[in-house]
């Protein structure tokens, strides 16, 4: 089964429709820091769409500097440690 991939793909498509640049990495999304909270909300909505009976999900927002990029980016993931 590829449930996590379906959730991530849904979140990527919603980010794109919202004009958020996004790069998926496994079950996480790399987005500009300014869009991290919105991307986290989108990830939760994608999870809720797949599991409507679930009590919710936990999405962690991490700040990671990417040396060759002009600004800080955040990684948002489903249960990413």
N, C-alpha and C. Protein backbone atom coordinates (compact mmCIF):
# COMPACT_ATOMS: atom_id res chain seq x y z
N UNK A 1 0.84 -1.19 0.00
CA UNK A 1 0.00 0.00 0.00
C UNK A 1 0.88 1.24 0.00
N UNK A 2 0.36 2.29 -0.51
CA UNK A 2 1.12 3.53 -0.63
C UNK A 2 0.34 4.71 -0.06
N UNK A 3 -0.20 4.51 1.11
CA UNK A 3 -1.04 5.54 1.73
C UNK A 3 -0.27 6.82 1.97
N UNK A 4 0.96 6.70 2.51
CA UNK A 4 1.74 7.91 2.79
C UNK A 4 2.06 8.67 1.51
N UNK A 5 2.31 7.96 0.42
CA UNK A 5 2.58 8.62 -0.86
C UNK A 5 1.34 9.35 -1.37
N UNK A 6 0.17 8.75 -1.20
CA UNK A 6 -1.08 9.40 -1.63
C UNK A 6 -1.34 10.68 -0.84
N UNK A 7 -1.08 10.63 0.46
CA UNK A 7 -1.28 11.81 1.31
C UNK A 7 -0.30 12.90 0.90
N UNK A 8 0.95 12.53 0.70
CA UNK A 8 1.97 13.50 0.31
C UNK A 8 1.65 14.10 -1.05
N UNK A 9 1.25 13.28 -2.01
CA UNK A 9 0.90 13.78 -3.34
C UNK A 9 -0.27 14.77 -3.26
N UNK A 10 -1.27 14.44 -2.47
CA UNK A 10 -2.41 15.34 -2.28
C UNK A 10 -1.94 16.67 -1.70
N UNK A 11 -1.05 16.62 -0.71
CA UNK A 11 -0.54 17.84 -0.09
C UNK A 11 0.29 18.67 -1.10
N UNK A 12 1.08 18.00 -1.90
CA UNK A 12 1.89 18.69 -2.92
C UNK A 12 0.97 19.41 -3.91
N UNK A 13 -0.06 18.72 -4.38
CA UNK A 13 -0.98 19.32 -5.34
C UNK A 13 -1.71 20.53 -4.74
N UNK A 14 -2.10 20.43 -3.47
CA UNK A 14 -2.77 21.55 -2.81
C UNK A 14 -1.81 22.72 -2.61
N UNK A 15 -0.56 22.42 -2.27
CA UNK A 15 0.44 23.50 -2.15
C UNK A 15 0.61 24.20 -3.49
N UNK A 16 0.72 23.43 -4.56
CA UNK A 16 0.88 24.02 -5.89
C UNK A 16 -0.30 24.89 -6.25
N UNK A 17 -1.52 24.44 -5.96
CA UNK A 17 -2.72 25.25 -6.24
C UNK A 17 -2.73 26.53 -5.41
N UNK A 18 -2.09 26.48 -4.24
CA UNK A 18 -2.03 27.66 -3.37
C UNK A 18 -0.84 28.56 -3.71
N UNK A 19 -0.06 28.17 -4.71
CA UNK A 19 1.09 28.98 -5.12
C UNK A 19 2.31 28.80 -4.23
N UNK A 20 2.37 27.71 -3.47
CA UNK A 20 3.50 27.44 -2.58
C UNK A 20 4.50 26.55 -3.32
N UNK A 21 5.73 27.01 -3.50
CA UNK A 21 6.75 26.13 -4.08
C UNK A 21 7.00 24.97 -3.10
N UNK A 22 7.05 23.77 -3.62
CA UNK A 22 7.14 22.60 -2.74
C UNK A 22 8.00 21.52 -3.36
N UNK A 23 8.78 20.87 -2.51
CA UNK A 23 9.60 19.73 -2.93
C UNK A 23 9.30 18.58 -1.98
N UNK A 24 8.70 17.49 -2.47
CA UNK A 24 8.43 16.35 -1.58
C UNK A 24 9.69 15.51 -1.39
N UNK A 25 9.91 15.07 -0.16
CA UNK A 25 11.00 14.16 0.16
C UNK A 25 10.41 13.10 1.09
N UNK A 26 10.21 11.90 0.56
CA UNK A 26 9.56 10.80 1.27
C UNK A 26 8.20 11.28 1.78
N UNK A 27 8.01 11.36 3.10
CA UNK A 27 6.71 11.79 3.63
C UNK A 27 6.78 13.21 4.18
N UNK A 28 7.71 14.00 3.66
CA UNK A 28 7.89 15.38 4.10
C UNK A 28 7.79 16.33 2.92
N UNK A 29 7.62 17.60 3.23
CA UNK A 29 7.59 18.65 2.21
C UNK A 29 8.62 19.70 2.56
N UNK A 30 9.37 20.13 1.58
CA UNK A 30 10.27 21.27 1.77
C UNK A 30 9.60 22.45 1.10
N UNK A 31 9.39 23.51 1.90
CA UNK A 31 8.71 24.72 1.41
C UNK A 31 9.45 25.94 1.94
N UNK A 32 9.24 27.11 1.33
CA UNK A 32 9.83 28.32 1.89
C UNK A 32 9.33 28.55 3.32
N UNK A 33 10.20 29.09 4.15
CA UNK A 33 9.87 29.30 5.56
C UNK A 33 8.57 30.09 5.73
N UNK A 34 8.34 31.05 4.87
CA UNK A 34 7.14 31.88 4.97
C UNK A 34 5.85 31.08 4.77
N UNK A 35 5.95 29.91 4.15
CA UNK A 35 4.78 29.08 3.86
C UNK A 35 4.69 27.83 4.73
N UNK A 36 5.57 27.69 5.71
CA UNK A 36 5.65 26.45 6.48
C UNK A 36 4.35 26.14 7.22
N UNK A 37 3.77 27.13 7.89
CA UNK A 37 2.55 26.87 8.65
C UNK A 37 1.39 26.51 7.73
N UNK A 38 1.28 27.20 6.61
CA UNK A 38 0.22 26.89 5.65
C UNK A 38 0.40 25.48 5.09
N UNK A 39 1.65 25.12 4.78
CA UNK A 39 1.92 23.76 4.27
C UNK A 39 1.59 22.71 5.32
N UNK A 40 1.83 23.01 6.59
CA UNK A 40 1.49 22.08 7.67
C UNK A 40 -0.03 21.88 7.73
N UNK A 41 -0.77 22.96 7.59
CA UNK A 41 -2.24 22.86 7.56
C UNK A 41 -2.70 22.01 6.38
N UNK A 42 -2.08 22.23 5.24
CA UNK A 42 -2.42 21.47 4.03
C UNK A 42 -2.14 19.99 4.25
N UNK A 43 -1.00 19.67 4.90
CA UNK A 43 -0.66 18.28 5.16
C UNK A 43 -1.72 17.64 6.07
N UNK A 44 -2.16 18.36 7.09
CA UNK A 44 -3.21 17.84 7.99
C UNK A 44 -4.52 17.63 7.23
N UNK A 45 -4.85 18.55 6.35
CA UNK A 45 -6.07 18.41 5.55
C UNK A 45 -5.98 17.20 4.63
N UNK A 46 -4.81 16.97 4.05
CA UNK A 46 -4.63 15.80 3.17
C UNK A 46 -4.78 14.51 3.97
N UNK A 47 -4.25 14.49 5.19
CA UNK A 47 -4.40 13.32 6.06
C UNK A 47 -5.88 13.11 6.40
N UNK A 48 -6.56 14.19 6.76
CA UNK A 48 -7.98 14.10 7.13
C UNK A 48 -8.83 13.63 5.95
N UNK A 49 -8.44 14.02 4.74
CA UNK A 49 -9.17 13.57 3.55
C UNK A 49 -9.04 12.07 3.34
N UNK A 50 -7.90 11.52 3.72
CA UNK A 50 -7.65 10.07 3.55
C UNK A 50 -8.24 9.27 4.71
N UNK A 51 -8.21 9.88 5.92
CA UNK A 51 -8.70 9.21 7.13
C UNK A 51 -9.71 10.11 7.85
N UNK A 52 -10.91 10.26 7.30
CA UNK A 52 -11.89 11.19 7.88
C UNK A 52 -12.33 10.83 9.29
N UNK A 53 -12.21 9.59 9.69
CA UNK A 53 -12.64 9.18 11.04
C UNK A 53 -11.54 9.36 12.08
N UNK A 54 -10.32 9.68 11.65
CA UNK A 54 -9.19 9.81 12.59
C UNK A 54 -9.33 11.07 13.43
N UNK A 55 -8.74 11.03 14.61
CA UNK A 55 -8.81 12.17 15.54
C UNK A 55 -7.92 13.33 15.07
N UNK A 56 -7.06 13.10 14.13
CA UNK A 56 -6.17 14.15 13.63
C UNK A 56 -4.78 13.58 13.38
N UNK A 57 -3.87 14.45 13.08
CA UNK A 57 -2.49 14.03 12.85
C UNK A 57 -1.55 15.07 13.44
N UNK A 58 -0.33 14.67 13.63
CA UNK A 58 0.70 15.58 14.13
C UNK A 58 1.66 15.89 12.99
N UNK A 59 1.84 17.15 12.73
CA UNK A 59 2.79 17.59 11.70
C UNK A 59 3.83 18.46 12.39
N UNK A 60 5.08 18.11 12.21
CA UNK A 60 6.17 18.88 12.80
C UNK A 60 6.75 19.82 11.76
N UNK A 61 7.04 21.04 12.19
CA UNK A 61 7.69 22.01 11.32
C UNK A 61 9.10 22.20 11.86
N UNK A 62 10.08 21.94 11.01
CA UNK A 62 11.48 22.08 11.40
C UNK A 62 12.12 23.18 10.57
N UNK A 63 12.96 23.95 11.21
CA UNK A 63 13.70 24.98 10.49
C UNK A 63 15.09 24.43 10.18
N UNK A 64 15.40 24.39 8.91
CA UNK A 64 16.70 23.92 8.45
C UNK A 64 17.23 24.90 7.42
N UNK A 65 18.43 25.37 7.66
CA UNK A 65 19.06 26.23 6.66
C UNK A 65 19.66 25.37 5.57
N UNK A 66 19.43 25.78 4.35
CA UNK A 66 20.01 25.10 3.20
C UNK A 66 21.06 26.05 2.64
N UNK A 67 22.34 25.71 2.80
CA UNK A 67 23.42 26.66 2.50
C UNK A 67 23.38 27.32 1.13
N UNK A 68 23.02 26.61 0.09
CA UNK A 68 23.06 27.18 -1.26
C UNK A 68 21.76 27.89 -1.64
N UNK A 69 20.82 27.98 -0.72
CA UNK A 69 19.56 28.68 -1.00
C UNK A 69 19.64 30.09 -0.41
N UNK A 70 18.86 31.02 -0.96
CA UNK A 70 18.90 32.40 -0.52
C UNK A 70 18.19 32.64 0.81
N UNK A 71 17.29 31.77 1.20
CA UNK A 71 16.56 31.96 2.45
C UNK A 71 16.39 30.64 3.18
N UNK A 72 15.99 30.73 4.43
CA UNK A 72 15.73 29.53 5.21
C UNK A 72 14.50 28.82 4.66
N UNK A 73 14.51 27.53 4.74
CA UNK A 73 13.37 26.72 4.35
C UNK A 73 12.96 25.89 5.55
N UNK A 74 11.73 25.44 5.56
CA UNK A 74 11.23 24.56 6.60
C UNK A 74 10.90 23.23 5.97
N UNK A 75 11.02 22.19 6.76
CA UNK A 75 10.59 20.87 6.33
C UNK A 75 9.37 20.51 7.15
N UNK A 76 8.33 20.13 6.47
CA UNK A 76 7.09 19.74 7.14
C UNK A 76 6.86 18.28 6.81
N UNK A 77 6.65 17.45 7.83
CA UNK A 77 6.48 16.03 7.53
C UNK A 77 5.51 15.34 8.43
N UNK A 78 5.05 14.19 7.98
CA UNK A 78 4.15 13.35 8.76
C UNK A 78 5.02 12.44 9.64
N UNK A 79 5.14 12.76 10.90
CA UNK A 79 5.88 11.90 11.81
C UNK A 79 7.36 11.83 11.52
N UNK A 80 7.91 12.79 10.83
CA UNK A 80 9.33 12.80 10.48
C UNK A 80 10.15 13.11 11.72
N UNK A 81 11.15 12.31 12.00
CA UNK A 81 12.01 12.54 13.17
C UNK A 81 13.26 13.25 12.75
